[in-house]
């Protein structure tokens, strides 16, 4: 087991231990007839057990977010590696071993997590954190159309440059001598 899993194990085992101990203390205090002490403890236990569905829902949403982000990262990395985009961009930039596929894959992975954050916060009942994250997402998603337009302009300019190069090359090319028919 790794250190991380053993830390999680310690936290969970201690939480279960203290929860059971709290039940025992409440039961003992009720037997003694000390309801003035048991009422706040019962309220605490009710609050803990009322939050368990939120914990389960949050855990499920976190798992789904991780799964979706991991799949998106694998798809993007696979596509970029299959099209040899690393090599093409690295050659154009004169950089050896350009890690483009890995970098873009990581960006997509974390953007996937970022898109799931409001849902995760809502599942845990953290309403105060939803508004700032939604503002951030709104700013990021508002930037996407500008990025797409800029990319289209660059692609259009590239095609026009290729066309211009071909036209100029054709215009200044030496004439081709006609071959006599046999």
Protein backbone atom coordinates (compact mmCIF):
# COMPACT_ATOMS: atom_id res chain seq x y z
CA UNK A 1 0.00 0.00 0.00
CA UNK A 2 1.13 3.51 -0.72
CA UNK A 3 1.42 6.22 1.87
CA UNK A 4 -1.58 7.99 0.40
CA UNK A 5 -3.86 4.95 0.75
CA UNK A 6 -2.66 4.33 4.30
CA UNK A 7 -3.43 7.97 5.22
CA UNK A 8 -6.93 7.59 3.82
CA UNK A 9 -7.30 4.31 5.69
CA UNK A 10 -6.27 5.99 8.96
CA UNK A 11 -8.73 8.83 8.46
CA UNK A 12 -11.63 6.50 7.64
CA UNK A 13 -10.93 4.07 10.49
CA UNK A 14 -10.65 6.90 13.02
CA UNK A 15 -13.88 8.47 11.72
CA UNK A 16 -15.75 5.18 12.13
CA UNK A 17 -14.20 4.64 15.57
CA UNK A 18 -15.25 8.07 16.87
CA UNK A 19 -18.71 7.80 15.31
CA UNK A 20 -19.36 4.50 17.07
CA UNK A 21 -17.90 5.93 20.28
CA UNK A 22 -20.26 8.90 20.00
CA UNK A 23 -23.22 6.51 19.65
CA UNK A 24 -22.09 4.69 22.77
CA UNK A 25 -21.73 7.94 24.73
CA UNK A 26 -25.20 9.09 23.65
CA UNK A 27 -26.71 5.72 24.63
CA UNK A 28 -24.98 5.82 28.02
CA UNK A 29 -26.14 9.39 28.67
CA UNK A 30 -29.72 8.49 27.74
CA UNK A 31 -29.66 5.55 30.16
CA UNK A 32 -28.52 7.97 32.84
CA UNK A 33 -31.39 10.30 31.92
CA UNK A 34 -29.16 13.23 30.95
CA UNK A 35 -31.28 14.43 28.04
CA UNK A 36 -29.91 17.96 28.28
CA UNK A 37 -26.56 16.56 27.08
CA UNK A 38 -27.94 14.00 24.64
CA UNK A 39 -30.10 16.48 22.68
CA UNK A 40 -27.14 18.39 21.14
CA UNK A 41 -25.29 15.13 20.52
CA UNK A 42 -28.36 13.68 18.78
CA UNK A 43 -28.57 16.84 16.66
CA UNK A 44 -24.89 16.37 15.73
CA UNK A 45 -25.48 12.72 14.78
CA UNK A 46 -28.54 13.71 12.74
CA UNK A 47 -26.50 16.35 10.89
CA UNK A 48 -23.72 13.82 10.20
CA UNK A 49 -26.14 11.23 8.85
CA UNK A 50 -28.07 13.83 6.86
CA UNK A 51 -24.82 14.77 5.07
CA UNK A 52 -23.91 11.19 4.09
CA UNK A 53 -26.05 11.23 0.90
CA UNK A 54 -24.24 14.42 -0.16
CA UNK A 55 -20.89 12.71 0.45
CA UNK A 56 -21.95 9.72 -1.64
CA UNK A 57 -23.31 11.96 -4.44
CA UNK A 58 -20.13 14.04 -4.38
CA UNK A 59 -18.00 10.90 -4.53
CA UNK A 60 -19.97 9.60 -7.51
CA UNK A 61 -19.67 12.95 -9.33
CA UNK A 62 -15.93 13.09 -8.60
CA UNK A 63 -15.53 9.59 -10.02
CA UNK A 64 -17.50 10.53 -13.15
CA UNK A 65 -15.46 13.74 -13.55
CA UNK A 66 -12.22 11.78 -13.23
CA UNK A 67 -13.42 9.19 -15.73
CA UNK A 68 -14.56 11.76 -18.31
CA UNK A 69 -11.39 13.87 -17.93
CA UNK A 70 -9.17 10.79 -18.24
CA UNK A 71 -11.00 9.57 -21.35
CA UNK A 72 -10.83 13.03 -22.96
CA UNK A 73 -7.11 13.25 -22.20
CA UNK A 74 -6.52 9.81 -23.75
CA UNK A 75 -8.53 10.71 -26.86
CA UNK A 76 -6.72 14.02 -27.40
CA UNK A 77 -3.28 12.53 -26.76
CA UNK A 78 -4.03 9.56 -29.00
CA UNK A 79 -5.24 11.81 -31.81
CA UNK A 80 -2.24 14.14 -31.59
CA UNK A 81 0.20 11.22 -31.39
CA UNK A 82 -1.51 9.42 -34.30
CA UNK A 83 -1.27 12.52 -36.50
CA UNK A 84 2.41 12.95 -35.47
CA UNK A 85 1.59 16.51 -34.43
CA UNK A 86 4.46 16.49 -31.88
CA UNK A 87 6.98 15.90 -34.62
CA UNK A 88 5.40 18.37 -37.05
CA UNK A 89 5.25 21.20 -34.51
CA UNK A 90 8.68 20.32 -33.13
CA UNK A 91 10.22 20.36 -36.61
CA UNK A 92 8.53 23.68 -37.44
CA UNK A 93 9.78 25.19 -34.17
CA UNK A 94 13.20 23.52 -34.47
CA UNK A 95 12.69 21.81 -31.12
CA UNK A 96 13.55 18.17 -30.57
CA UNK A 97 11.05 15.99 -28.65
CA UNK A 98 8.27 18.56 -28.48
CA UNK A 99 5.73 17.25 -25.86
CA UNK A 100 2.69 18.79 -27.53
CA UNK A 101 0.39 15.76 -27.20
CA UNK A 102 1.13 15.38 -23.50
CA UNK A 103 0.72 19.12 -22.81
CA UNK A 104 -2.55 19.47 -24.72
CA UNK A 105 -3.82 16.27 -23.13
CA UNK A 106 -3.12 17.67 -19.65
CA UNK A 107 -4.86 20.95 -20.50
CA UNK A 108 -7.92 19.04 -21.69
CA UNK A 109 -7.81 16.86 -18.54
CA UNK A 110 -7.84 19.85 -16.18
CA UNK A 111 -10.44 21.71 -18.23
CA UNK A 112 -12.63 18.63 -17.88
CA UNK A 113 -12.23 18.84 -14.11
CA UNK A 114 -12.95 22.55 -14.20
CA UNK A 115 -16.22 21.94 -16.05
CA UNK A 116 -17.29 19.45 -13.37
CA UNK A 117 -16.40 21.70 -10.39
CA UNK A 118 -19.82 23.41 -10.10
CA UNK A 119 -21.54 20.01 -10.13
CA UNK A 120 -19.14 18.67 -7.50
CA UNK A 121 -19.67 21.73 -5.28
CA UNK A 122 -23.44 21.44 -5.68
CA UNK A 123 -23.33 17.75 -4.73
CA UNK A 124 -21.47 18.61 -1.52
CA UNK A 125 -23.83 21.52 -0.81
CA UNK A 126 -21.08 24.15 -1.14
CA UNK A 127 -23.25 26.83 -2.74
CA UNK A 128 -20.86 29.69 -1.85
CA UNK A 129 -18.16 28.20 -4.09
CA UNK A 130 -20.38 27.70 -7.13
CA UNK A 131 -20.73 31.38 -8.14
CA UNK A 132 -16.96 32.13 -8.44
CA UNK A 133 -16.35 28.93 -10.42
CA UNK A 134 -19.28 29.68 -12.71
CA UNK A 135 -17.86 33.18 -13.29
CA UNK A 136 -14.49 31.66 -14.20
CA UNK A 137 -16.14 29.16 -16.54
CA UNK A 138 -18.19 31.93 -18.13
CA UNK A 139 -15.03 33.95 -18.79
CA UNK A 140 -13.23 30.91 -20.23
CA UNK A 141 -16.14 29.84 -22.41
CA UNK A 142 -16.63 33.43 -23.57
CA UNK A 143 -13.03 33.33 -24.81
CA UNK A 144 -13.57 30.17 -26.91
CA UNK A 145 -15.35 31.88 -29.84
CA UNK A 146 -12.52 34.42 -30.12
CA UNK A 147 -10.00 31.58 -30.12
CA UNK A 148 -11.91 29.75 -32.86
CA UNK A 149 -12.11 32.91 -35.01
CA UNK A 150 -8.38 33.55 -34.51
CA UNK A 151 -7.58 29.96 -35.49
CA UNK A 152 -9.75 30.26 -38.61
CA UNK A 153 -7.98 33.49 -39.56
CA UNK A 154 -4.58 31.82 -39.16
CA UNK A 155 -5.69 28.80 -41.22
CA UNK A 156 -7.17 31.09 -43.90
CA UNK A 157 -3.97 33.13 -43.98
CA UNK A 158 -1.93 29.96 -44.31
CA UNK A 159 -4.02 28.80 -47.29
CA UNK A 160 -3.76 32.25 -48.90
CA UNK A 161 0.01 32.19 -48.38
CA UNK A 162 0.22 28.76 -50.04
CA UNK A 163 -1.97 29.99 -52.91
CA UNK A 164 0.14 33.13 -53.32
CA UNK A 165 3.31 31.05 -53.27
CA UNK A 166 1.92 28.76 -55.97
CA UNK A 167 0.77 31.66 -58.16
CA UNK A 168 4.09 33.48 -57.87
CA UNK A 169 5.99 30.24 -58.48
CA UNK A 170 3.84 29.50 -61.54
CA UNK A 171 4.21 33.06 -62.87
CA UNK A 172 8.00 33.08 -62.62
CA UNK A 173 8.57 29.45 -63.59
CA UNK A 174 10.56 28.98 -66.80
CA UNK A 175 8.47 27.96 -69.77
CA UNK A 176 8.30 24.26 -70.42
CA UNK A 177 9.44 23.21 -73.85
CA UNK A 178 6.84 21.30 -75.82
CA UNK A 179 7.81 17.78 -76.68
CA UNK A 180 7.22 16.71 -80.26
CA UNK A 181 4.64 14.04 -80.80
CA UNK A 182 6.08 10.80 -82.03
